[in-house]
Structures are given as C-alpha cells and as structure tokens.
Amino acid sequence: MKIHGNNRLNGINPYQKMNPPAMEKSKKATGGAKDEIQISTEALEMLNHSKTDDAARKARIQDLKTQVQEGTYRVDSQKLAEKLYEELKGR
C-alpha cells in the first residue's frame, strides 16, 4: 500500500479561527437590537418628590447632629412610646 501526500484531511485545522466574514454576519444578526426603557410619569413624580424631600431631610439630619454634638438634643418620650407601640402592635 502506497501513501501519497494527497490526504485531504491534513488540510483541515480544527484550531483554525472562524472566517471573518462569517463573524461579521453573526454580529449583524445580533448587534442591531438595543434595549430601551420608559419611565412612567408617576415614577418621575416620585423621583422629583424624593429629591425635594432629600434636601429637607439632609437639613433635618444636620440639625439633629448639631444638637447631639452640643448636648442639647432631648428625646420626646411620649412620641417615642407612641412609635414603639405602633411598631410592636403591627407585628
């Protein structure tokens, strides 16, 4: 039996990279779609409301920090008891 260099399987390289034109086609097929979101008017109102509340909240927190540092902060025991009662009652 004679073996010649006409073995066609030697020409196939399993580690060869994919053809660039084939890769271009696959990119075009999947790359065209883009994600999109829409925010409702209610969500925008909530966002704007939270921004305005955030400024007031920061001012209140700063005021409380100052009172604590100066030693002038006093806890209203009646309000504290009411809030604790509401919280525990809800459980």
PDB file of N, CA and C in Angstrom:
ATOM      1  N   MET A   1       0.844  -1.165   0.000  1.00  0.00           N
ATOM      2  CA  MET A   1       0.000   0.000   0.000  1.00  0.00           C
ATOM      3  C   MET A   1       0.892   1.232   0.000  1.00  0.00           C
ATOM      4  N   LYS A   2       0.616   2.113  -0.920  1.00  0.00           N
ATOM      5  CA  LYS A   2       1.388   3.343  -1.027  1.00  0.00           C
ATOM      6  C   LYS A   2       0.563   4.509  -0.486  1.00  0.00           C
ATOM      7  N   ILE A   3       1.195   5.338   0.306  1.00  0.00           N
ATOM      8  CA  ILE A   3       0.529   6.531   0.836  1.00  0.00           C
ATOM      9  C   ILE A   3       1.197   7.731   0.203  1.00  0.00           C
ATOM     10  N   HIS A   4       0.393   8.553  -0.421  1.00  0.00           N
ATOM     11  CA  HIS A   4       0.902   9.754  -1.073  1.00  0.00           C
ATOM     12  C   HIS A   4       0.464  10.977  -0.278  1.00  0.00           C
ATOM     13  N   GLY A   5       0.953  12.098  -0.646  1.00  0.00           N
ATOM     14  CA  GLY A   5       0.631  13.351   0.034  1.00  0.00           C
ATOM     15  C   GLY A   5      -0.721  13.922  -0.355  1.00  0.00           C
ATOM     16  N   ASN A   6      -1.620  13.135  -0.879  1.00  0.00           N
ATOM     17  CA  ASN A   6      -2.933  13.618  -1.297  1.00  0.00           C
ATOM     18  C   ASN A   6      -3.988  13.466  -0.202  1.00  0.00           C
ATOM     19  N   ASN A   7      -3.568  13.294   0.999  1.00  0.00           N
ATOM     20  CA  ASN A   7      -4.509  13.129   2.099  1.00  0.00           C
ATOM     21  C   ASN A   7      -5.173  14.479   2.384  1.00  0.00           C
ATOM     22  N   ARG A   8      -6.433  14.603   2.106  1.00  0.00           N
ATOM     23  CA  ARG A   8      -7.138  15.887   2.227  1.00  0.00           C
ATOM     24  C   ARG A   8      -7.427  16.259   3.692  1.00  0.00           C
ATOM     25  N   LEU A   9      -7.410  15.333   4.587  1.00  0.00           N
ATOM     26  CA  LEU A   9      -7.679  15.647   5.984  1.00  0.00           C
ATOM     27  C   LEU A   9      -6.559  16.472   6.612  1.00  0.00           C
ATOM     28  N   ASN A  10      -5.375  16.406   6.046  1.00  0.00           N
ATOM     29  CA  ASN A  10      -4.272  17.193   6.581  1.00  0.00           C
ATOM     30  C   ASN A  10      -4.508  18.687   6.373  1.00  0.00           C
ATOM     31  N   GLY A  11      -5.327  19.055   5.409  1.00  0.00           N
ATOM     32  CA  GLY A  11      -5.594  20.457   5.127  1.00  0.00           C
ATOM     33  C   GLY A  11      -6.579  21.097   6.092  1.00  0.00           C
ATOM     34  N   ILE A  12      -7.249  20.311   6.907  1.00  0.00           N
ATOM     35  CA  ILE A  12      -8.232  20.844   7.852  1.00  0.00           C
ATOM     36  C   ILE A  12      -7.556  21.056   9.201  1.00  0.00           C
ATOM     37  N   ASN A  13      -7.662  22.252   9.706  1.00  0.00           N
ATOM     38  CA  ASN A  13      -7.093  22.567  11.008  1.00  0.00           C
ATOM     39  C   ASN A  13      -8.256  22.824  11.975  1.00  0.00           C
ATOM     40  N   PRO A  14      -8.466  21.953  12.944  1.00  0.00           N
ATOM     41  CA  PRO A  14      -9.602  22.143  13.850  1.00  0.00           C
ATOM     42  C   PRO A  14      -9.445  23.374  14.749  1.00  0.00           C
ATOM     43  N   TYR A  15      -8.239  23.903  14.868  1.00  0.00           N
ATOM     44  CA  TYR A  15      -7.996  25.064  15.719  1.00  0.00           C
ATOM     45  C   TYR A  15      -7.974  26.371  14.937  1.00  0.00           C
ATOM     46  N   GLN A  16      -8.282  26.271  13.650  1.00  0.00           N
ATOM     47  CA  GLN A  16      -8.271  27.453  12.800  1.00  0.00           C
ATOM     48  C   GLN A  16      -9.395  28.402  13.224  1.00  0.00           C
ATOM     49  N   LYS A  17      -9.104  29.689  13.173  1.00  0.00           N
ATOM     50  CA  LYS A  17     -10.102  30.680  13.573  1.00  0.00           C
ATOM     51  C   LYS A  17     -11.227  30.734  12.563  1.00  0.00           C
ATOM     52  N   MET A  18     -12.381  31.205  13.039  1.00  0.00           N
ATOM     53  CA  MET A  18     -13.545  31.341  12.180  1.00  0.00           C
ATOM     54  C   MET A  18     -13.275  32.415  11.131  1.00  0.00           C
ATOM     55  N   ASN A  19     -13.845  32.231   9.961  1.00  0.00           N
ATOM     56  CA  ASN A  19     -13.684  33.221   8.899  1.00  0.00           C
ATOM     57  C   ASN A  19     -14.223  34.572   9.351  1.00  0.00           C
ATOM     58  N   PRO A  20     -13.500  35.649   9.107  1.00  0.00           N
ATOM     59  CA  PRO A  20     -14.014  36.971   9.467  1.00  0.00           C
ATOM     60  C   PRO A  20     -15.356  37.299   8.821  1.00  0.00           C
ATOM     61  N   PRO A  21     -15.630  36.953   7.549  1.00  0.00           N
ATOM     62  CA  PRO A  21     -16.957  37.259   7.004  1.00  0.00           C
ATOM     63  C   PRO A  21     -18.082  36.551   7.763  1.00  0.00           C
ATOM     64  N   ALA A  22     -17.840  35.344   8.228  1.00  0.00           N
ATOM     65  CA  ALA A  22     -18.863  34.630   8.986  1.00  0.00           C
ATOM     66  C   ALA A  22     -19.104  35.322  10.328  1.00  0.00           C
ATOM     67  N   MET A  23     -18.046  35.845  10.924  1.00  0.00           N
ATOM     68  CA  MET A  23     -18.192  36.563  12.184  1.00  0.00           C
ATOM     69  C   MET A  23     -18.953  37.868  11.970  1.00  0.00           C
ATOM     70  N   GLU A  24     -18.711  38.536  10.867  1.00  0.00           N
ATOM     71  CA  GLU A  24     -19.419  39.781  10.555  1.00  0.00           C
ATOM     72  C   GLU A  24     -20.924  39.529  10.458  1.00  0.00           C
ATOM     73  N   LYS A  25     -21.291  38.433   9.809  1.00  0.00           N
ATOM     74  CA  LYS A  25     -22.705  38.115   9.654  1.00  0.00           C
ATOM     75  C   LYS A  25     -23.358  37.876  11.009  1.00  0.00           C
ATOM     76  N   SER A  26     -22.658  37.177  11.903  1.00  0.00           N
ATOM     77  CA  SER A  26     -23.246  36.890  13.209  1.00  0.00           C
ATOM     78  C   SER A  26     -23.369  38.160  14.044  1.00  0.00           C
ATOM     79  N   LYS A  27     -22.429  39.088  13.908  1.00  0.00           N
ATOM     80  CA  LYS A  27     -22.519  40.350  14.634  1.00  0.00           C
ATOM     81  C   LYS A  27     -23.695  41.177  14.143  1.00  0.00           C
ATOM     82  N   LYS A  28     -23.903  41.191  12.835  1.00  0.00           N
ATOM     83  CA  LYS A  28     -25.006  41.959  12.273  1.00  0.00           C
ATOM     84  C   LYS A  28     -26.349  41.380  12.703  1.00  0.00           C
ATOM     85  N   ALA A  29     -26.415  40.078  12.830  1.00  0.00           N
ATOM     86  CA  ALA A  29     -27.676  39.428  13.178  1.00  0.00           C
ATOM     87  C   ALA A  29     -28.085  39.737  14.619  1.00  0.00           C
ATOM     88  N   THR A  30     -27.113  39.824  15.537  1.00  0.00           N
ATOM     89  CA  THR A  30     -27.455  40.026  16.940  1.00  0.00           C
ATOM     90  C   THR A  30     -27.198  41.437  17.434  1.00  0.00           C
ATOM     91  N   GLY A  31     -26.372  42.204  16.770  1.00  0.00           N
ATOM     92  CA  GLY A  31     -25.973  43.512  17.269  1.00  0.00           C
ATOM     93  C   GLY A  31     -26.940  44.629  16.979  1.00  0.00           C
ATOM     94  N   GLY A  32     -27.944  44.433  16.177  1.00  0.00           N
ATOM     95  CA  GLY A  32     -28.834  45.512  15.790  1.00  0.00           C
ATOM     96  C   GLY A  32     -29.834  45.913  16.852  1.00  0.00           C
ATOM     97  N   ALA A  33     -30.262  45.005  17.697  1.00  0.00           N
ATOM     98  CA  ALA A  33     -31.301  45.309  18.687  1.00  0.00           C
ATOM     99  C   ALA A  33     -30.692  46.019  19.891  1.00  0.00           C
ATOM    100  N   LYS A  34     -31.403  47.029  20.396  1.00  0.00           N
ATOM    101  CA  LYS A  34     -30.947  47.755  21.574  1.00  0.00           C
ATOM    102  C   LYS A  34     -32.054  47.729  22.620  1.00  0.00           C
ATOM    103  N   ASP A  35     -31.644  47.726  23.877  1.00  0.00           N
ATOM    104  CA  ASP A  35     -32.610  47.757  24.968  1.00  0.00           C
ATOM    105  C   ASP A  35     -33.114  49.181  25.160  1.00  0.00           C
ATOM    106  N   GLU A  36     -34.340  49.289  25.571  1.00  0.00           N
ATOM    107  CA  GLU A  36     -34.937  50.598  25.790  1.00  0.00           C
ATOM    108  C   GLU A  36     -35.885  50.516  26.978  1.00  0.00           C
ATOM    109  N   ILE A  37     -35.877  51.562  27.801  1.00  0.00           N
ATOM    110  CA  ILE A  37     -36.800  51.612  28.930  1.00  0.00           C
ATOM    111  C   ILE A  37     -37.605  52.900  28.865  1.00  0.00           C
ATOM    112  N   GLN A  38     -38.770  52.861  29.465  1.00  0.00           N
ATOM    113  CA  GLN A  38     -39.604  54.049  29.567  1.00  0.00           C
ATOM    114  C   GLN A  38     -40.028  54.190  31.020  1.00  0.00           C
ATOM    115  N   ILE A  39     -39.856  55.394  31.547  1.00  0.00           N
ATOM    116  CA  ILE A  39     -40.215  55.655  32.931  1.00  0.00           C
ATOM    117  C   ILE A  39     -41.566  56.351  32.955  1.00  0.00           C
ATOM    118  N   SER A  40     -42.468  55.840  33.752  1.00  0.00           N
ATOM    119  CA  SER A  40     -43.819  56.400  33.816  1.00  0.00           C
ATOM    120  C   SER A  40     -43.793  57.783  34.463  1.00  0.00           C
ATOM    121  N   THR A  41     -44.855  58.531  34.242  1.00  0.00           N
ATOM    122  CA  THR A  41     -44.945  59.871  34.824  1.00  0.00           C
ATOM    123  C   THR A  41     -45.025  59.795  36.346  1.00  0.00           C
ATOM    124  N   GLU A  42     -45.675  58.747  36.852  1.00  0.00           N
ATOM    125  CA  GLU A  42     -45.758  58.573  38.302  1.00  0.00           C
ATOM    126  C   GLU A  42     -44.371  58.354  38.900  1.00  0.00           C
ATOM    127  N   ALA A  43     -43.557  57.551  38.216  1.00  0.00           N
ATOM    128  CA  ALA A  43     -42.204  57.295  38.706  1.00  0.00           C
ATOM    129  C   ALA A  43     -41.369  58.566  38.673  1.00  0.00           C
ATOM    130  N   LEU A  44     -41.536  59.372  37.629  1.00  0.00           N
ATOM    131  CA  LEU A  44     -40.805  60.635  37.552  1.00  0.00           C
ATOM    132  C   LEU A  44     -41.236  61.588  38.661  1.00  0.00           C
ATOM    133  N   GLU A  45     -42.527  61.621  38.952  1.00  0.00           N
ATOM    134  CA  GLU A  45     -43.017  62.464  40.047  1.00  0.00           C
ATOM    135  C   GLU A  45     -42.443  62.007  41.385  1.00  0.00           C
ATOM    136  N   MET A  46     -42.400  60.694  41.585  1.00  0.00           N
ATOM    137  CA  MET A  46     -41.837  60.163  42.823  1.00  0.00           C
ATOM    138  C   MET A  46     -40.361  60.528  42.941  1.00  0.00           C
ATOM    139  N   LEU A  47     -39.646  60.449  41.832  1.00  0.00           N
ATOM    140  CA  LEU A  47     -38.225  60.785  41.831  1.00  0.00           C
ATOM    141  C   LEU A  47     -38.025  62.251  42.183  1.00  0.00           C
ATOM    142  N   ASN A  48     -38.804  63.129  41.565  1.00  0.00           N
ATOM    143  CA  ASN A  48     -38.692  64.558  41.855  1.00  0.00           C
ATOM    144  C   ASN A  48     -39.085  64.859  43.296  1.00  0.00           C
ATOM    145  N   HIS A  49     -40.118  64.194  43.782  1.00  0.00           N
ATOM    146  CA  HIS A  49     -40.562  64.393  45.161  1.00  0.00           C
ATOM    147  C   HIS A  49     -39.481  63.946  46.143  1.00  0.00           C
ATOM    148  N   SER A  50     -38.835  62.828  45.842  1.00  0.00           N
ATOM    149  CA  SER A  50     -37.795  62.334  46.740  1.00  0.00           C
ATOM    150  C   SER A  50     -36.592  63.265  46.745  1.00  0.00           C
ATOM    151  N   LYS A  51     -36.323  63.924  45.619  1.00  0.00           N
ATOM    152  CA  LYS A  51     -35.199  64.865  45.576  1.00  0.00           C
ATOM    153  C   LYS A  51     -35.475  66.077  46.453  1.00  0.00           C
ATOM    154  N   THR A  52     -36.702  66.582  46.417  1.00  0.00           N
ATOM    155  CA  THR A  52     -37.029  67.737  47.251  1.00  0.00           C
ATOM    156  C   THR A  52     -37.069  67.339  48.717  1.00  0.00           C
ATOM    157  N   ASP A  53     -37.585  66.157  49.006  1.00  0.00           N
ATOM    158  CA  ASP A  53     -37.603  65.676  50.383  1.00  0.00           C
ATOM    159  C   ASP A  53     -36.193  65.418  50.886  1.00  0.00           C
ATOM    160  N   ASP A  54     -35.313  65.034  49.972  1.00  0.00           N
ATOM    161  CA  ASP A  54     -33.942  64.724  50.344  1.00  0.00           C
ATOM    162  C   ASP A  54     -33.239  65.960  50.902  1.00  0.00           C
ATOM    163  N   ALA A  55     -33.478  67.113  50.306  1.00  0.00           N
ATOM    164  CA  ALA A  55     -32.854  68.345  50.793  1.00  0.00           C
ATOM    165  C   ALA A  55     -33.363  68.681  52.192  1.00  0.00           C
ATOM    166  N   ALA A  56     -34.665  68.560  52.400  1.00  0.00           N
ATOM    167  CA  ALA A  56     -35.235  68.834  53.720  1.00  0.00           C
ATOM    168  C   ALA A  56     -34.734  67.817  54.742  1.00  0.00           C
ATOM    169  N   ARG A  57     -34.610  66.580  54.314  1.00  0.00           N
ATOM    170  CA  ARG A  57     -34.138  65.520  55.212  1.00  0.00           C
ATOM    171  C   ARG A  57     -32.688  65.768  55.626  1.00  0.00           C
ATOM    172  N   LYS A  58     -31.861  66.172  54.663  1.00  0.00           N
ATOM    173  CA  LYS A  58     -30.457  66.453  54.975  1.00  0.00           C
ATOM    174  C   LYS A  58     -30.340  67.609  55.960  1.00  0.00           C
ATOM    175  N   ALA A  59     -31.179  68.627  55.776  1.00  0.00           N
ATOM    176  CA  ALA A  59     -31.157  69.764  56.699  1.00  0.00           C
ATOM    177  C   ALA A  59     -31.571  69.318  58.100  1.00  0.00           C
ATOM    178  N   ARG A  60     -32.586  68.473  58.187  1.00  0.00           N
ATOM    179  CA  ARG A  60     -33.057  67.966  59.484  1.00  0.00           C
ATOM    180  C   ARG A  60     -31.977  67.122  60.153  1.00  0.00           C
ATOM    181  N   ILE A  61     -31.317  66.285  59.379  1.00  0.00           N
ATOM    182  CA  ILE A  61     -30.252  65.436  59.926  1.00  0.00           C
ATOM    183  C   ILE A  61     -29.102  66.293  60.437  1.00  0.00           C
ATOM    184  N   GLN A  62     -28.737  67.309  59.668  1.00  0.00           N
ATOM    185  CA  GLN A  62     -27.655  68.194  60.095  1.00  0.00           C
ATOM    186  C   GLN A  62     -28.023  68.911  61.392  1.00  0.00           C
ATOM    187  N   ASP A  63     -29.274  69.339  61.493  1.00  0.00           N
ATOM    188  CA  ASP A  63     -29.748  69.997  62.710  1.00  0.00           C
ATOM    189  C   ASP A  63     -29.668  69.046  63.909  1.00  0.00           C
ATOM    190  N   LEU A  64     -30.085  67.804  63.703  1.00  0.00           N
ATOM    191  CA  LEU A  64     -30.022  66.813  64.789  1.00  0.00           C
ATOM    192  C   LEU A  64     -28.579  66.521  65.194  1.00  0.00           C
ATOM    193  N   LYS A  65     -27.683  66.433  64.220  1.00  0.00           N
ATOM    194  CA  LYS A  65     -26.268  66.193  64.527  1.00  0.00           C
ATOM    195  C   LYS A  65     -25.703  67.321  65.382  1.00  0.00           C
ATOM    196  N   THR A  66     -26.059  68.531  65.010  1.00  0.00           N
ATOM    197  CA  THR A  66     -25.587  69.691  65.770  1.00  0.00           C
ATOM    198  C   THR A  66     -26.108  69.645  67.199  1.00  0.00           C
ATOM    199  N   GLN A  67     -27.384  69.323  67.363  1.00  0.00           N
ATOM    200  CA  GLN A  67     -27.968  69.242  68.701  1.00  0.00           C
ATOM    201  C   GLN A  67     -27.294  68.160  69.540  1.00  0.00           C
ATOM    202  N   VAL A  68     -27.004  67.015  68.927  1.00  0.00           N
ATOM    203  CA  VAL A  68     -26.358  65.915  69.654  1.00  0.00           C
ATOM    204  C   VAL A  68     -24.951  66.328  70.070  1.00  0.00           C
ATOM    205  N   GLN A  69     -24.206  66.967  69.164  1.00  0.00           N
ATOM    206  CA  GLN A  69     -22.836  67.380  69.477  1.00  0.00           C
ATOM    207  C   GLN A  69     -22.800  68.436  70.581  1.00  0.00           C
ATOM    208  N   GLU A  70     -23.792  69.312  70.589  1.00  0.00           N
ATOM    209  CA  GLU A  70     -23.836  70.364  71.604  1.00  0.00           C
ATOM    210  C   GLU A  70     -24.451  69.880  72.913  1.00  0.00           C
ATOM    211  N   GLY A  71     -25.072  68.712  72.880  1.00  0.00           N
ATOM    212  CA  GLY A  71     -25.688  68.166  74.083  1.00  0.00           C
ATOM    213  C   GLY A  71     -27.063  68.748  74.370  1.00  0.00           C
ATOM    214  N   THR A  72     -27.680  69.362  73.371  1.00  0.00           N
ATOM    215  CA  THR A  72     -28.990  69.977  73.578  1.00  0.00           C
ATOM    216  C   THR A  72     -30.134  69.126  73.040  1.00  0.00           C
ATOM    217  N   TYR A  73     -29.826  67.971  72.473  1.00  0.00           N
ATOM    218  CA  TYR A  73     -30.876  67.111  71.907  1.00  0.00           C
ATOM    219  C   TYR A  73     -31.613  66.395  73.029  1.00  0.00           C
ATOM    220  N   ARG A  74     -32.928  66.502  73.005  1.00  0.00           N
ATOM    221  CA  ARG A  74     -33.753  65.830  74.000  1.00  0.00           C
ATOM    222  C   ARG A  74     -34.790  64.966  73.284  1.00  0.00           C
ATOM    223  N   VAL A  75     -34.951  63.757  73.779  1.00  0.00           N
ATOM    224  CA  VAL A  75     -35.902  62.821  73.192  1.00  0.00           C
ATOM    225  C   VAL A  75     -37.269  63.063  73.816  1.00  0.00           C
ATOM    226  N   ASP A  76     -38.287  63.169  72.969  1.00  0.00           N
ATOM    227  CA  ASP A  76     -39.664  63.297  73.452  1.00  0.00           C
ATOM    228  C   ASP A  76     -40.149  61.885  73.775  1.00  0.00           C
ATOM    229  N   SER A  77     -40.214  61.567  75.054  1.00  0.00           N
ATOM    230  CA  SER A  77     -40.545  60.203  75.470  1.00  0.00           C
ATOM    231  C   SER A  77     -41.956  59.799  75.059  1.00  0.00           C
ATOM    232  N   GLN A  78     -42.877  60.744  75.003  1.00  0.00           N
ATOM    233  CA  GLN A  78     -44.249  60.436  74.598  1.00  0.00           C
ATOM    234  C   GLN A  78     -44.284  59.987  73.133  1.00  0.00           C
ATOM    235  N   LYS A  79     -43.599  60.724  72.253  1.00  0.00           N
ATOM    236  CA  LYS A  79     -43.558  60.353  70.829  1.00  0.00           C
ATOM    237  C   LYS A  79     -42.854  59.014  70.638  1.00  0.00           C
ATOM    238  N   LEU A  80     -41.774  58.820  71.389  1.00  0.00           N
ATOM    239  CA  LEU A  80     -41.035  57.563  71.298  1.00  0.00           C
ATOM    240  C   LEU A  80     -41.917  56.385  71.696  1.00  0.00           C
ATOM    241  N   ALA A  81     -42.658  56.537  72.782  1.00  0.00           N
ATOM    242  CA  ALA A  81     -43.541  55.466  73.248  1.00  0.00           C
ATOM    243  C   ALA A  81     -44.643  55.179  72.231  1.00  0.00           C
ATOM    244  N   GLU A  82     -45.208  56.229  71.635  1.00  0.00           N
ATOM    245  CA  GLU A  82     -46.257  56.035  70.627  1.00  0.00           C
ATOM    246  C   GLU A  82     -45.732  55.278  69.412  1.00  0.00           C
ATOM    247  N   LYS A  83     -44.561  55.660  68.942  1.00  0.00           N
ATOM    248  CA  LYS A  83     -43.982  54.995  67.766  1.00  0.00           C
ATOM    249  C   LYS A  83     -43.623  53.543  68.074  1.00  0.00           C
ATOM    250  N   LEU A  84     -43.067  53.301  69.243  1.00  0.00           N
ATOM    251  CA  LEU A  84     -42.744  51.923  69.630  1.00  0.00           C
ATOM    252  C   LEU A  84     -43.998  51.071  69.721  1.00  0.00           C
ATOM    253  N   TYR A  85     -45.046  51.640  70.287  1.00  0.00           N
ATOM    254  CA  TYR A  85     -46.305  50.907  70.414  1.00  0.00           C
ATOM    255  C   TYR A  85     -46.866  50.559  69.035  1.00  0.00           C
ATOM    256  N   GLU A  86     -46.866  51.535  68.120  1.00  0.00           N
ATOM    257  CA  GLU A  86     -47.363  51.283  66.759  1.00  0.00           C
ATOM    258  C   GLU A  86     -46.548  50.197  66.068  1.00  0.00           C
ATOM    259  N   GLU A  87     -45.244  50.245  66.252  1.00  0.00           N
ATOM    260  CA  GLU A  87     -44.366  49.260  65.616  1.00  0.00           C
ATOM    261  C   GLU A  87     -44.609  47.860  66.179  1.00  0.00           C
ATOM    262  N   LEU A  88     -44.688  47.762  67.481  1.00  0.00           N
ATOM    263  CA  LEU A  88     -44.886  46.453  68.105  1.00  0.00           C
ATOM    264  C   LEU A  88     -46.292  45.917  67.871  1.00  0.00           C
ATOM    265  N   LYS A  89     -47.255  46.795  67.789  1.00  0.00           N
ATOM    266  CA  LYS A  89     -48.637  46.389  67.544  1.00  0.00           C
ATOM    267  C   LYS A  89     -48.790  45.804  66.131  1.00  0.00           C
ATOM    268  N   GLY A  90     -48.021  46.309  65.193  1.00  0.00           N
ATOM    269  CA  GLY A  90     -48.087  45.845  63.809  1.00  0.00           C
ATOM    270  C   GLY A  90     -47.508  44.460  63.605  1.00  0.00           C
ATOM    271  N   ARG A  91     -46.750  43.971  64.540  1.00  0.00           N
ATOM    272  CA  ARG A  91     -46.129  42.646  64.387  1.00  0.00           C
ATOM    273  C   ARG A  91     -47.078  41.604  64.727  1.00  0.00           C
TER     274      ARG A  91
END
